[in-house]
Amino acid sequence: MDFKILKTKKDYENALKRLEKVFDAKPGSKESNELELLAMLIERYEKEHFPIDAPDPVEAIKFRMEQLGMKQKDLDKIIGGKNRVSEILNRKRKLSLEMIRNIHASLDIPLESLIQAY
């Protein structure tokens, strides 16, 4: 396959079809190199044409809690008390800068997600 920047939907679809064919390529083979290049080209096209917005901070926190198997009470030390956690998760209070820093450090949620308007 000739490699080029994917500019059209047809280019993208053709790259996806080819990716399916070389997906199980053996490492170090010519096809595995093709697989890596196709993946990069497809990723670039998708970022440009199908952007995904960051979740709002509350949804990001809830998602990370679910991933880690955390309960609401587990946030008490991070955010600052049971009532404050409840207010944050119910959108009755906004996150402070200190809370954002603590959540980022403790739960490894990207700062970009935590500073979104909500």
PDB file of N, CA and C in Angstrom:
ATOM      1  N   MET A   1       0.845  -1.188   0.000  1.00  0.00           N
ATOM      2  CA  MET A   1       0.000   0.000   0.000  1.00  0.00           C
ATOM      3  C   MET A   1       0.882   1.240   0.000  1.00  0.00           C
ATOM      4  N   ASP A   2       0.478   2.228  -0.755  1.00  0.00           N
ATOM      5  CA  ASP A   2       1.168   3.509  -0.751  1.00  0.00           C
ATOM      6  C   ASP A   2       0.678   4.302   0.449  1.00  0.00           C
ATOM      7  N   PHE A   3       1.604   4.864   1.209  1.00  0.00           N
ATOM      8  CA  PHE A   3       1.228   5.607   2.398  1.00  0.00           C
ATOM      9  C   PHE A   3       1.146   7.094   2.075  1.00  0.00           C
ATOM     10  N   LYS A   4       0.063   7.690   2.540  1.00  0.00           N
ATOM     11  CA  LYS A   4      -0.126   9.119   2.361  1.00  0.00           C
ATOM     12  C   LYS A   4      -1.027   9.603   3.492  1.00  0.00           C
ATOM     13  N   ILE A   5      -1.008  10.889   3.705  1.00  0.00           N
ATOM     14  CA  ILE A   5      -1.873  11.481   4.713  1.00  0.00           C
ATOM     15  C   ILE A   5      -3.319  11.234   4.299  1.00  0.00           C
ATOM     16  N   LEU A   6      -4.141  10.803   5.265  1.00  0.00           N
ATOM     17  CA  LEU A   6      -5.547  10.532   4.987  1.00  0.00           C
ATOM     18  C   LEU A   6      -6.301  11.855   4.989  1.00  0.00           C
ATOM     19  N   LYS A   7      -6.845  12.210   3.818  1.00  0.00           N
ATOM     20  CA  LYS A   7      -7.525  13.494   3.694  1.00  0.00           C
ATOM     21  C   LYS A   7      -9.016  13.362   3.447  1.00  0.00           C
ATOM     22  N   THR A   8      -9.430  12.230   2.915  1.00  0.00           N
ATOM     23  CA  THR A   8     -10.846  12.054   2.595  1.00  0.00           C
ATOM     24  C   THR A   8     -11.411  10.858   3.353  1.00  0.00           C
ATOM     25  N   LYS A   9     -12.724  10.804   3.369  1.00  0.00           N
ATOM     26  CA  LYS A   9     -13.383   9.672   4.015  1.00  0.00           C
ATOM     27  C   LYS A   9     -13.020   8.366   3.309  1.00  0.00           C
ATOM     28  N   LYS A  10     -12.887   8.424   2.008  1.00  0.00           N
ATOM     29  CA  LYS A  10     -12.507   7.241   1.221  1.00  0.00           C
ATOM     30  C   LYS A  10     -11.101   6.770   1.604  1.00  0.00           C
ATOM     31  N   ASP A  11     -10.158   7.706   1.748  1.00  0.00           N
ATOM     32  CA  ASP A  11      -8.802   7.358   2.192  1.00  0.00           C
ATOM     33  C   ASP A  11      -8.860   6.649   3.541  1.00  0.00           C
ATOM     34  N   TYR A  12      -9.652   7.215   4.436  1.00  0.00           N
ATOM     35  CA  TYR A  12      -9.807   6.668   5.787  1.00  0.00           C
ATOM     36  C   TYR A  12     -10.391   5.254   5.743  1.00  0.00           C
ATOM     37  N   GLU A  13     -11.447   5.067   4.971  1.00  0.00           N
ATOM     38  CA  GLU A  13     -12.082   3.753   4.868  1.00  0.00           C
ATOM     39  C   GLU A  13     -11.128   2.714   4.273  1.00  0.00           C
ATOM     40  N   ASN A  14     -10.371   3.106   3.261  1.00  0.00           N
ATOM     41  CA  ASN A  14      -9.392   2.195   2.664  1.00  0.00           C
ATOM     42  C   ASN A  14      -8.304   1.814   3.667  1.00  0.00           C
ATOM     43  N   ALA A  15      -7.873   2.782   4.450  1.00  0.00           N
ATOM     44  CA  ALA A  15      -6.858   2.502   5.472  1.00  0.00           C
ATOM     45  C   ALA A  15      -7.402   1.541   6.531  1.00  0.00           C
ATOM     46  N   LEU A  16      -8.654   1.713   6.918  1.00  0.00           N
ATOM     47  CA  LEU A  16      -9.260   0.797   7.894  1.00  0.00           C
ATOM     48  C   LEU A  16      -9.354  -0.622   7.344  1.00  0.00           C
ATOM     49  N   LYS A  17      -9.722  -0.745   6.079  1.00  0.00           N
ATOM     50  CA  LYS A  17      -9.802  -2.070   5.450  1.00  0.00           C
ATOM     51  C   LYS A  17      -8.435  -2.740   5.420  1.00  0.00           C
ATOM     52  N   ARG A  18      -7.432  -1.975   5.063  1.00  0.00           N
ATOM     53  CA  ARG A  18      -6.079  -2.539   5.006  1.00  0.00           C
ATOM     54  C   ARG A  18      -5.585  -2.897   6.407  1.00  0.00           C
ATOM     55  N   LEU A  19      -5.926  -2.073   7.374  1.00  0.00           N
ATOM     56  CA  LEU A  19      -5.543  -2.346   8.760  1.00  0.00           C
ATOM     57  C   LEU A  19      -6.097  -3.693   9.215  1.00  0.00           C
ATOM     58  N   GLU A  20      -7.333  -3.979   8.856  1.00  0.00           N
ATOM     59  CA  GLU A  20      -7.934  -5.262   9.213  1.00  0.00           C
ATOM     60  C   GLU A  20      -7.141  -6.424   8.631  1.00  0.00           C
ATOM     61  N   LYS A  21      -6.630  -6.257   7.420  1.00  0.00           N
ATOM     62  CA  LYS A  21      -5.896  -7.337   6.750  1.00  0.00           C
ATOM     63  C   LYS A  21      -4.524  -7.597   7.384  1.00  0.00           C
ATOM     64  N   VAL A  22      -3.883  -6.554   7.886  1.00  0.00           N
ATOM     65  CA  VAL A  22      -2.534  -6.730   8.444  1.00  0.00           C
ATOM     66  C   VAL A  22      -2.528  -6.709   9.974  1.00  0.00           C
ATOM     67  N   PHE A  23      -3.697  -6.735  10.577  1.00  0.00           N
ATOM     68  CA  PHE A  23      -3.813  -6.578  12.033  1.00  0.00           C
ATOM     69  C   PHE A  23      -3.037  -7.638  12.816  1.00  0.00           C
ATOM     70  N   ASP A  24      -3.009  -8.861  12.346  1.00  0.00           N
ATOM     71  CA  ASP A  24      -2.331  -9.943  13.057  1.00  0.00           C
ATOM     72  C   ASP A  24      -0.922 -10.207  12.535  1.00  0.00           C
ATOM     73  N   ALA A  25      -0.291  -9.204  11.975  1.00  0.00           N
ATOM     74  CA  ALA A  25       1.046  -9.360  11.420  1.00  0.00           C
ATOM     75  C   ALA A  25       2.055  -9.738  12.501  1.00  0.00           C
ATOM     76  N   LYS A  26       3.021 -10.552  12.119  1.00  0.00           N
ATOM     77  CA  LYS A  26       4.079 -10.965  13.047  1.00  0.00           C
ATOM     78  C   LYS A  26       5.021  -9.783  13.287  1.00  0.00           C
ATOM     79  N   PRO A  27       5.413  -9.569  14.547  1.00  0.00           N
ATOM     80  CA  PRO A  27       6.339  -8.470  14.857  1.00  0.00           C
ATOM     81  C   PRO A  27       7.607  -8.560  14.012  1.00  0.00           C
ATOM     82  N   GLY A  28       8.044  -7.413  13.515  1.00  0.00           N
ATOM     83  CA  GLY A  28       9.264  -7.357  12.715  1.00  0.00           C
ATOM     84  C   GLY A  28       9.042  -7.594  11.236  1.00  0.00           C
ATOM     85  N   SER A  29       7.860  -8.017  10.867  1.00  0.00           N
ATOM     86  CA  SER A  29       7.576  -8.271   9.455  1.00  0.00           C
ATOM     87  C   SER A  29       7.259  -6.958   8.735  1.00  0.00           C
ATOM     88  N   LYS A  30       7.253  -7.047   7.405  1.00  0.00           N
ATOM     89  CA  LYS A  30       6.905  -5.888   6.587  1.00  0.00           C
ATOM     90  C   LYS A  30       5.483  -5.428   6.922  1.00  0.00           C
ATOM     91  N   GLU A  31       4.588  -6.393   7.137  1.00  0.00           N
ATOM     92  CA  GLU A  31       3.202  -6.069   7.460  1.00  0.00           C
ATOM     93  C   GLU A  31       3.072  -5.380   8.814  1.00  0.00           C
ATOM     94  N   SER A  32       3.941  -5.756   9.776  1.00  0.00           N
ATOM     95  CA  SER A  32       3.847  -5.110  11.097  1.00  0.00           C
ATOM     96  C   SER A  32       4.257  -3.639  11.010  1.00  0.00           C
ATOM     97  N   ASN A  33       5.225  -3.344  10.148  1.00  0.00           N
ATOM     98  CA  ASN A  33       5.607  -1.945   9.933  1.00  0.00           C
ATOM     99  C   ASN A  33       4.456  -1.185   9.276  1.00  0.00           C
ATOM    100  N   GLU A  34       3.817  -1.836   8.329  1.00  0.00           N
ATOM    101  CA  GLU A  34       2.656  -1.239   7.668  1.00  0.00           C
ATOM    102  C   GLU A  34       1.540  -0.997   8.684  1.00  0.00           C
ATOM    103  N   LEU A  35       1.331  -1.950   9.574  1.00  0.00           N
ATOM    104  CA  LEU A  35       0.316  -1.836  10.628  1.00  0.00           C
ATOM    105  C   LEU A  35       0.567  -0.604  11.492  1.00  0.00           C
ATOM    106  N   GLU A  36       1.797  -0.406  11.911  1.00  0.00           N
ATOM    107  CA  GLU A  36       2.127   0.748  12.753  1.00  0.00           C
ATOM    108  C   GLU A  36       1.874   2.066  12.020  1.00  0.00           C
ATOM    109  N   LEU A  37       2.288   2.131  10.771  1.00  0.00           N
ATOM    110  CA  LEU A  37       2.087   3.357   9.999  1.00  0.00           C
ATOM    111  C   LEU A  37       0.606   3.635   9.773  1.00  0.00           C
ATOM    112  N   LEU A  38      -0.143   2.592   9.432  1.00  0.00           N
ATOM    113  CA  LEU A  38      -1.583   2.772   9.247  1.00  0.00           C
ATOM    114  C   LEU A  38      -2.248   3.251  10.530  1.00  0.00           C
ATOM    115  N   ALA A  39      -1.860   2.673  11.647  1.00  0.00           N
ATOM    116  CA  ALA A  39      -2.440   3.066  12.933  1.00  0.00           C
ATOM    117  C   ALA A  39      -2.195   4.548  13.212  1.00  0.00           C
ATOM    118  N   MET A  40      -0.996   5.015  12.912  1.00  0.00           N
ATOM    119  CA  MET A  40      -0.687   6.429  13.133  1.00  0.00           C
ATOM    120  C   MET A  40      -1.502   7.331  12.207  1.00  0.00           C
ATOM    121  N   LEU A  41      -1.616   6.926  10.944  1.00  0.00           N
ATOM    122  CA  LEU A  41      -2.385   7.723   9.992  1.00  0.00           C
ATOM    123  C   LEU A  41      -3.872   7.763  10.371  1.00  0.00           C
ATOM    124  N   ILE A  42      -4.398   6.632  10.775  1.00  0.00           N
ATOM    125  CA  ILE A  42      -5.805   6.556  11.173  1.00  0.00           C
ATOM    126  C   ILE A  42      -6.047   7.381  12.430  1.00  0.00           C
ATOM    127  N   GLU A  43      -5.139   7.276  13.392  1.00  0.00           N
ATOM    128  CA  GLU A  43      -5.290   8.050  14.630  1.00  0.00           C
ATOM    129  C   GLU A  43      -5.305   9.552  14.332  1.00  0.00           C
ATOM    130  N   ARG A  44      -4.415   9.981  13.467  1.00  0.00           N
ATOM    131  CA  ARG A  44      -4.360  11.405  13.115  1.00  0.00           C
ATOM    132  C   ARG A  44      -5.669  11.860  12.455  1.00  0.00           C
ATOM    133  N   TYR A  45      -6.166  11.062  11.535  1.00  0.00           N
ATOM    134  CA  TYR A  45      -7.417  11.395  10.853  1.00  0.00           C
ATOM    135  C   TYR A  45      -8.568  11.473  11.852  1.00  0.00           C
ATOM    136  N   GLU A  46      -8.638  10.486  12.752  1.00  0.00           N
ATOM    137  CA  GLU A  46      -9.742  10.450  13.719  1.00  0.00           C
ATOM    138  C   GLU A  46      -9.682  11.618  14.691  1.00  0.00           C
ATOM    139  N   LYS A  47      -8.490  11.995  15.118  1.00  0.00           N
ATOM    140  CA  LYS A  47      -8.378  13.153  16.019  1.00  0.00           C
ATOM    141  C   LYS A  47      -8.866  14.425  15.346  1.00  0.00           C
ATOM    142  N   GLU A  48      -8.583  14.522  14.067  1.00  0.00           N
ATOM    143  CA  GLU A  48      -8.972  15.725  13.330  1.00  0.00           C
ATOM    144  C   GLU A  48     -10.463  15.737  12.982  1.00  0.00           C
ATOM    145  N   HIS A  49     -11.010  14.591  12.605  1.00  0.00           N
ATOM    146  CA  HIS A  49     -12.386  14.538  12.112  1.00  0.00           C
ATOM    147  C   HIS A  49     -13.423  14.066  13.124  1.00  0.00           C
ATOM    148  N   PHE A  50     -12.987  13.381  14.164  1.00  0.00           N
ATOM    149  CA  PHE A  50     -13.910  12.864  15.182  1.00  0.00           C
ATOM    150  C   PHE A  50     -13.411  13.206  16.578  1.00  0.00           C
ATOM    151  N   PRO A  51     -13.235  14.491  16.876  1.00  0.00           N
ATOM    152  CA  PRO A  51     -12.695  14.849  18.202  1.00  0.00           C
ATOM    153  C   PRO A  51     -13.653  14.436  19.322  1.00  0.00           C
ATOM    154  N   ILE A  52     -13.066  14.061  20.429  1.00  0.00           N
ATOM    155  CA  ILE A  52     -13.846  13.686  21.608  1.00  0.00           C
ATOM    156  C   ILE A  52     -13.570  14.723  22.689  1.00  0.00           C
ATOM    157  N   ASP A  53     -14.615  15.395  23.120  1.00  0.00           N
ATOM    158  CA  ASP A  53     -14.462  16.385  24.173  1.00  0.00           C
ATOM    159  C   ASP A  53     -14.166  15.704  25.500  1.00  0.00           C
ATOM    160  N   ALA A  54     -13.410  16.392  26.317  1.00  0.00           N
ATOM    161  CA  ALA A  54     -13.136  15.876  27.654  1.00  0.00           C
ATOM    162  C   ALA A  54     -14.440  15.871  28.457  1.00  0.00           C
ATOM    163  N   PRO A  55     -14.614  14.886  29.324  1.00  0.00           N
ATOM    164  CA  PRO A  55     -15.834  14.866  30.139  1.00  0.00           C
ATOM    165  C   PRO A  55     -15.810  16.019  31.136  1.00  0.00           C
ATOM    166  N   ASP A  56     -16.991  16.382  31.631  1.00  0.00           N
ATOM    167  CA  ASP A  56     -16.984  17.427  32.647  1.00  0.00           C
ATOM    168  C   ASP A  56     -16.349  16.848  33.921  1.00  0.00           C
ATOM    169  N   PRO A  57     -15.875  17.709  34.809  1.00  0.00           N
ATOM    170  CA  PRO A  57     -15.139  17.247  35.978  1.00  0.00           C
ATOM    171  C   PRO A  57     -15.886  16.223  36.827  1.00  0.00           C
ATOM    172  N   VAL A  58     -17.165  16.437  37.065  1.00  0.00           N
ATOM    173  CA  VAL A  58     -17.926  15.521  37.917  1.00  0.00           C
ATOM    174  C   VAL A  58     -17.994  14.137  37.268  1.00  0.00           C
ATOM    175  N   GLU A  59     -18.250  14.086  35.973  1.00  0.00           N
ATOM    176  CA  GLU A  59     -18.307  12.805  35.279  1.00  0.00           C
ATOM    177  C   GLU A  59     -16.936  12.128  35.271  1.00  0.00           C
ATOM    178  N   ALA A  60     -15.881  12.912  35.125  1.00  0.00           N
ATOM    179  CA  ALA A  60     -14.528  12.352  35.163  1.00  0.00           C
ATOM    180  C   ALA A  60     -14.238  11.731  36.533  1.00  0.00           C
ATOM    181  N   ILE A  61     -14.638  12.411  37.582  1.00  0.00           N
ATOM    182  CA  ILE A  61     -14.429  11.893  38.947  1.00  0.00           C
ATOM    183  C   ILE A  61     -15.229  10.615  39.151  1.00  0.00           C
ATOM    184  N   LYS A  62     -16.497  10.628  38.761  1.00  0.00           N
ATOM    185  CA  LYS A  62     -17.344   9.447  38.936  1.00  0.00           C
ATOM    186  C   LYS A  62     -16.802   8.256  38.140  1.00  0.00           C
ATOM    187  N   PHE A  63     -16.351   8.513  36.923  1.00  0.00           N
ATOM    188  CA  PHE A  63     -15.802   7.444  36.086  1.00  0.00           C
ATOM    189  C   PHE A  63     -14.554   6.842  36.731  1.00  0.00           C
ATOM    190  N   ARG A  64     -13.662   7.714  37.222  1.00  0.00           N
ATOM    191  CA  ARG A  64     -12.427   7.223  37.850  1.00  0.00           C
ATOM    192  C   ARG A  64     -12.732   6.462  39.133  1.00  0.00           C
ATOM    193  N   MET A  65     -13.720   6.938  39.886  1.00  0.00           N
ATOM    194  CA  MET A  65     -14.127   6.226  41.099  1.00  0.00           C
ATOM    195  C   MET A  65     -14.606   4.818  40.744  1.00  0.00           C
ATOM    196  N   GLU A  66     -15.386   4.725  39.689  1.00  0.00           N
ATOM    197  CA  GLU A  66     -15.892   3.418  39.251  1.00  0.00           C
ATOM    198  C   GLU A  66     -14.732   2.511  38.840  1.00  0.00           C
ATOM    199  N   GLN A  67     -13.768   3.063  38.112  1.00  0.00           N
ATOM    200  CA  GLN A  67     -12.611   2.286  37.686  1.00  0.00           C
ATOM    201  C   GLN A  67     -11.829   1.735  38.877  1.00  0.00           C
ATOM    202  N   LEU A  68     -11.725   2.555  39.912  1.00  0.00           N
ATOM    203  CA  LEU A  68     -10.934   2.177  41.085  1.00  0.00           C
ATOM    204  C   LEU A  68     -11.747   1.451  42.151  1.00  0.00           C
ATOM    205  N   GLY A  69     -13.045   1.287  41.907  1.00  0.00           N
ATOM    206  CA  GLY A  69     -13.909   0.628  42.889  1.00  0.00           C
ATOM    207  C   GLY A  69     -14.078   1.456  44.158  1.00  0.00           C
ATOM    208  N   MET A  70     -14.083   2.766  44.002  1.00  0.00           N
ATOM    209  CA  MET A  70     -14.185   3.661  45.160  1.00  0.00           C
ATOM    210  C   MET A  70     -15.636   3.994  45.458  1.00  0.00           C
ATOM    211  N   LYS A  71     -15.882   4.288  46.711  1.00  0.00           N
ATOM    212  CA  LYS A  71     -17.187   4.768  47.175  1.00  0.00           C
ATOM    213  C   LYS A  71     -17.062   6.270  47.421  1.00  0.00           C
ATOM    214  N   GLN A  72     -18.200   6.914  47.564  1.00  0.00           N
ATOM    215  CA  GLN A  72     -18.220   8.353  47.800  1.00  0.00           C
ATOM    216  C   GLN A  72     -17.419   8.717  49.047  1.00  0.00           C
ATOM    217  N   LYS A  73     -17.498   7.900  50.081  1.00  0.00           N
ATOM    218  CA  LYS A  73     -16.776   8.198  51.324  1.00  0.00           C
ATOM    219  C   LYS A  73     -15.254   8.164  51.145  1.00  0.00           C
ATOM    220  N   ASP A  74     -14.791   7.474  50.088  1.00  0.00           N
ATOM    221  CA  ASP A  74     -13.350   7.417  49.836  1.00  0.00           C
ATOM    222  C   ASP A  74     -12.794   8.762  49.380  1.00  0.00           C
ATOM    223  N   LEU A  75     -13.672   9.665  48.974  1.00  0.00           N
ATOM    224  CA  LEU A  75     -13.240  10.997  48.536  1.00  0.00           C
ATOM    225  C   LEU A  75     -13.136  11.998  49.682  1.00  0.00           C
ATOM    226  N   ASP A  76     -13.609  11.621  50.860  1.00  0.00           N
ATOM    227  CA  ASP A  76     -13.621  12.547  51.999  1.00  0.00           C
ATOM    228  C   ASP A  76     -12.259  13.200  52.231  1.00  0.00           C
ATOM    229  N   LYS A  77     -11.207  12.412  52.277  1.00  0.00           N
ATOM    230  CA  LYS A  77      -9.864  12.946  52.560  1.00  0.00           C
ATOM    231  C   LYS A  77      -9.317  13.750  51.381  1.00  0.00           C
ATOM    232  N   ILE A  78      -9.750  13.410  50.191  1.00  0.00           N
ATOM    233  CA  ILE A  78      -9.241  14.076  48.993  1.00  0.00           C
ATOM    234  C   ILE A  78      -9.908  15.434  48.792  1.00  0.00           C
ATOM    235  N   ILE A  79     -11.230  15.474  48.962  1.00  0.00           N
ATOM    236  CA  ILE A  79     -11.995  16.700  48.688  1.00  0.00           C
ATOM    237  C   ILE A  79     -12.250  17.518  49.947  1.00  0.00           C
ATOM    238  N   GLY A  80     -12.434  16.848  51.067  1.00  0.00           N
ATOM    239  CA  GLY A  80     -12.617  17.614  52.294  1.00  0.00           C
ATOM    240  C   GLY A  80     -13.935  17.411  52.999  1.00  0.00           C
ATOM    241  N   GLY A  81     -14.266  16.219  53.346  1.00  0.00           N
ATOM    242  CA  GLY A  81     -15.454  15.964  54.149  1.00  0.00           C
ATOM    243  C   GLY A  81     -16.628  15.424  53.368  1.00  0.00           C
ATOM    244  N   LYS A  82     -17.472  14.690  54.072  1.00  0.00           N
ATOM    245  CA  LYS A  82     -18.625  14.012  53.487  1.00  0.00           C
ATOM    246  C   LYS A  82     -19.582  14.988  52.795  1.00  0.00           C
ATOM    247  N   ASN A  83     -19.907  16.078  53.478  1.00  0.00           N
ATOM    248  CA  ASN A  83     -20.850  17.047  52.908  1.00  0.00           C
ATOM    249  C   ASN A  83     -20.305  17.693  51.645  1.00  0.00           C
ATOM    250  N   ARG A  84     -19.037  18.040  51.671  1.00  0.00           N
ATOM    251  CA  ARG A  84     -18.428  18.694  50.520  1.00  0.00           C
ATOM    252  C   ARG A  84     -18.389  17.734  49.320  1.00  0.00           C
ATOM    253  N   VAL A  85     -18.064  16.478  49.575  1.00  0.00           N
ATOM    254  CA  VAL A  85     -18.047  15.474  48.501  1.00  0.00           C
ATOM    255  C   VAL A  85     -19.436  15.367  47.880  1.00  0.00           C
ATOM    256  N   SER A  86     -20.444  15.294  48.719  1.00  0.00           N
ATOM    257  CA  SER A  86     -21.815  15.192  48.239  1.00  0.00           C
ATOM    258  C   SER A  86     -22.196  16.413  47.400  1.00  0.00           C
ATOM    259  N   GLU A  87     -21.820  17.583  47.863  1.00  0.00           N
ATOM    260  CA  GLU A  87     -22.131  18.811  47.122  1.00  0.00           C
ATOM    261  C   GLU A  87     -21.446  18.824  45.754  1.00  0.00           C
ATOM    262  N   ILE A  88     -20.198  18.384  45.714  1.00  0.00           N
ATOM    263  CA  ILE A  88     -19.453  18.344  44.452  1.00  0.00           C
ATOM    264  C   ILE A  88     -20.101  17.354  43.491  1.00  0.00           C
ATOM    265  N   LEU A  89     -20.346  16.130  43.954  1.00  0.00           N
ATOM    266  CA  LEU A  89     -20.883  15.091  43.076  1.00  0.00           C
ATOM    267  C   LEU A  89     -22.316  15.366  42.638  1.00  0.00           C
ATOM    268  N   ASN A  90     -23.045  16.185  43.417  1.00  0.00           N
ATOM    269  CA  ASN A  90     -24.413  16.574  43.043  1.00  0.00           C
ATOM    270  C   ASN A  90     -24.462  17.936  42.357  1.00  0.00           C
ATOM    271  N   ARG A  91     -23.283  18.457  42.028  1.00  0.00           N
ATOM    272  CA  ARG A  91     -23.142  19.717  41.283  1.00  0.00           C
ATOM    273  C   ARG A  91     -23.718  20.940  42.011  1.00  0.00           C
ATOM    274  N   LYS A  92     -23.689  20.903  43.331  1.00  0.00           N
ATOM    275  CA  LYS A  92     -24.165  22.044  44.116  1.00  0.00           C
ATOM    276  C   LYS A  92     -23.006  22.959  44.503  1.00  0.00           C
ATOM    277  N   ARG A  93     -21.788  22.472  44.315  1.00  0.00           N
ATOM    278  CA  ARG A  93     -20.586  23.248  44.633  1.00  0.00           C
ATOM    279  C   ARG A  93     -19.567  22.981  43.535  1.00  0.00           C
ATOM    280  N   LYS A  94     -18.828  24.008  43.183  1.00  0.00           N
ATOM    281  CA  LYS A  94     -17.766  23.882  42.184  1.00  0.00           C
ATOM    282  C   LYS A  94     -16.471  23.430  42.859  1.00  0.00           C
ATOM    283  N   LEU A  95     -15.617  22.822  42.074  1.00  0.00           N
ATOM    284  CA  LEU A  95     -14.311  22.417  42.579  1.00  0.00           C
ATOM    285  C   LEU A  95     -13.430  23.644  42.794  1.00  0.00           C
ATOM    286  N   SER A  96     -12.708  23.664  43.898  1.00  0.00           N
ATOM    287  CA  SER A  96     -11.735  24.726  44.137  1.00  0.00           C
ATOM    288  C   SER A  96     -10.405  24.295  43.519  1.00  0.00           C
ATOM    289  N   LEU A  97      -9.487  25.226  43.418  1.00  0.00           N
ATOM    290  CA  LEU A  97      -8.169  24.918  42.879  1.00  0.00           C
ATOM    291  C   LEU A  97      -7.475  23.854  43.727  1.00  0.00           C
ATOM    292  N   GLU A  98      -7.590  23.966  45.035  1.00  0.00           N
ATOM    293  CA  GLU A  98      -6.980  22.975  45.931  1.00  0.00           C
ATOM    294  C   GLU A  98      -7.599  21.586  45.715  1.00  0.00           C
ATOM    295  N   MET A  99      -8.920  21.533  45.560  1.00  0.00           N
ATOM    296  CA  MET A  99      -9.585  20.256  45.304  1.00  0.00           C
ATOM    297  C   MET A  99      -9.094  19.651  43.997  1.00  0.00           C
ATOM    298  N   ILE A 100      -8.992  20.479  42.961  1.00  0.00           N
ATOM    299  CA  ILE A 100      -8.519  20.012  41.657  1.00  0.00           C
ATOM    300  C   ILE A 100      -7.133  19.418  41.785  1.00  0.00           C
ATOM    301  N   ARG A 101      -6.260  20.102  42.501  1.00  0.00           N
ATOM    302  CA  ARG A 101      -4.893  19.587  42.691  1.00  0.00           C
ATOM    303  C   ARG A 101      -4.904  18.257  43.438  1.00  0.00           C
ATOM    304  N   ASN A 102      -5.705  18.164  44.493  1.00  0.00           N
ATOM    305  CA  ASN A 102      -5.770  16.930  45.277  1.00  0.00           C
ATOM    306  C   ASN A 102      -6.345  15.766  44.469  1.00  0.00           C
ATOM    307  N   ILE A 103      -7.390  16.039  43.718  1.00  0.00           N
ATOM    308  CA  ILE A 103      -8.013  14.994  42.901  1.00  0.00           C
ATOM    309  C   ILE A 103      -7.036  14.514  41.830  1.00  0.00           C
ATOM    310  N   HIS A 104      -6.373  15.449  41.196  1.00  0.00           N
ATOM    311  CA  HIS A 104      -5.395  15.095  40.164  1.00  0.00           C
ATOM    312  C   HIS A 104      -4.282  14.224  40.754  1.00  0.00           C
ATOM    313  N   ALA A 105      -3.757  14.626  41.894  1.00  0.00           N
ATOM    314  CA  ALA A 105      -2.662  13.887  42.517  1.00  0.00           C
ATOM    315  C   ALA A 105      -3.104  12.521  43.030  1.00  0.00           C
ATOM    316  N   SER A 106      -4.310  12.446  43.572  1.00  0.00           N
ATOM    317  CA  SER A 106      -4.778  11.199  44.182  1.00  0.00           C
ATOM    318  C   SER A 106      -5.399  10.220  43.191  1.00  0.00           C
ATOM    319  N   LEU A 107      -6.141  10.732  42.235  1.00  0.00           N
ATOM    320  CA  LEU A 107      -6.875   9.856  41.323  1.00  0.00           C
ATOM    321  C   LEU A 107      -6.287   9.821  39.917  1.00  0.00           C
ATOM    322  N   ASP A 108      -5.269  10.640  39.677  1.00  0.00           N
ATOM    323  CA  ASP A 108      -4.602  10.685  38.380  1.00  0.00           C
ATOM    324  C   ASP A 108      -5.565  11.025  37.245  1.00  0.00           C
ATOM    325  N   ILE A 109      -6.473  11.942  37.512  1.00  0.00           N
ATOM    326  CA  ILE A 109      -7.381  12.449  36.481  1.00  0.00           C
ATOM    327  C   ILE A 109      -6.677  13.637  35.825  1.00  0.00           C
ATOM    328  N   PRO A 110      -6.626  13.680  34.500  1.00  0.00           N
ATOM    329  CA  PRO A 110      -5.933  14.791  33.830  1.00  0.00           C
ATOM    330  C   PRO A 110      -6.512  16.153  34.253  1.00  0.00           C
ATOM    331  N   LEU A 111      -5.622  17.095  34.442  1.00  0.00           N
ATOM    332  CA  LEU A 111      -6.039  18.439  34.817  1.00  0.00           C
ATOM    333  C   LEU A 111      -6.989  19.039  33.797  1.00  0.00           C
ATOM    334  N   GLU A 112      -6.787  18.719  32.513  1.00  0.00           N
ATOM    335  CA  GLU A 112      -7.667  19.245  31.471  1.00  0.00           C
ATOM    336  C   GLU A 112      -9.126  18.867  31.710  1.00  0.00           C
ATOM    337  N   SER A 113      -9.348  17.682  32.254  1.00  0.00           N
ATOM    338  CA  SER A 113     -10.717  17.249  32.540  1.00  0.00           C
ATOM    339  C   SER A 113     -11.273  17.961  33.762  1.00  0.00           C
ATOM    340  N   LEU A 114     -10.426  18.188  34.753  1.00  0.00           N
ATOM    341  CA  LEU A 114     -10.897  18.766  36.007  1.00  0.00           C
ATOM    342  C   LEU A 114     -11.172  20.267  35.920  1.00  0.00           C
ATOM    343  N   ILE A 115     -10.571  20.950  34.972  1.00  0.00           N
ATOM    344  CA  ILE A 115     -10.766  22.402  34.882  1.00  0.00           C
ATOM    345  C   ILE A 115     -11.852  22.787  33.889  1.00  0.00           C
ATOM    346  N   GLN A 116     -12.495  21.800  33.264  1.00  0.00           N
ATOM    347  CA  GLN A 116     -13.582  22.082  32.326  1.00  0.00           C
ATOM    348  C   GLN A 116     -14.731  22.795  33.032  1.00  0.00           C
ATOM    349  N   ALA A 117     -15.407  23.655  32.308  1.00  0.00           N
ATOM    350  CA  ALA A 117     -16.605  24.304  32.861  1.00  0.00           C
ATOM    351  C   ALA A 117     -17.723  23.277  32.930  1.00  0.00           C
ATOM    352  N   TYR A 118     -18.528  23.394  33.969  1.00  0.00           N
ATOM    353  CA  TYR A 118     -19.686  22.503  34.111  1.00  0.00           C
ATOM    354  C   TYR A 118     -20.779  23.200  34.852  1.00  0.00           C
TER     355      TYR A 118
END
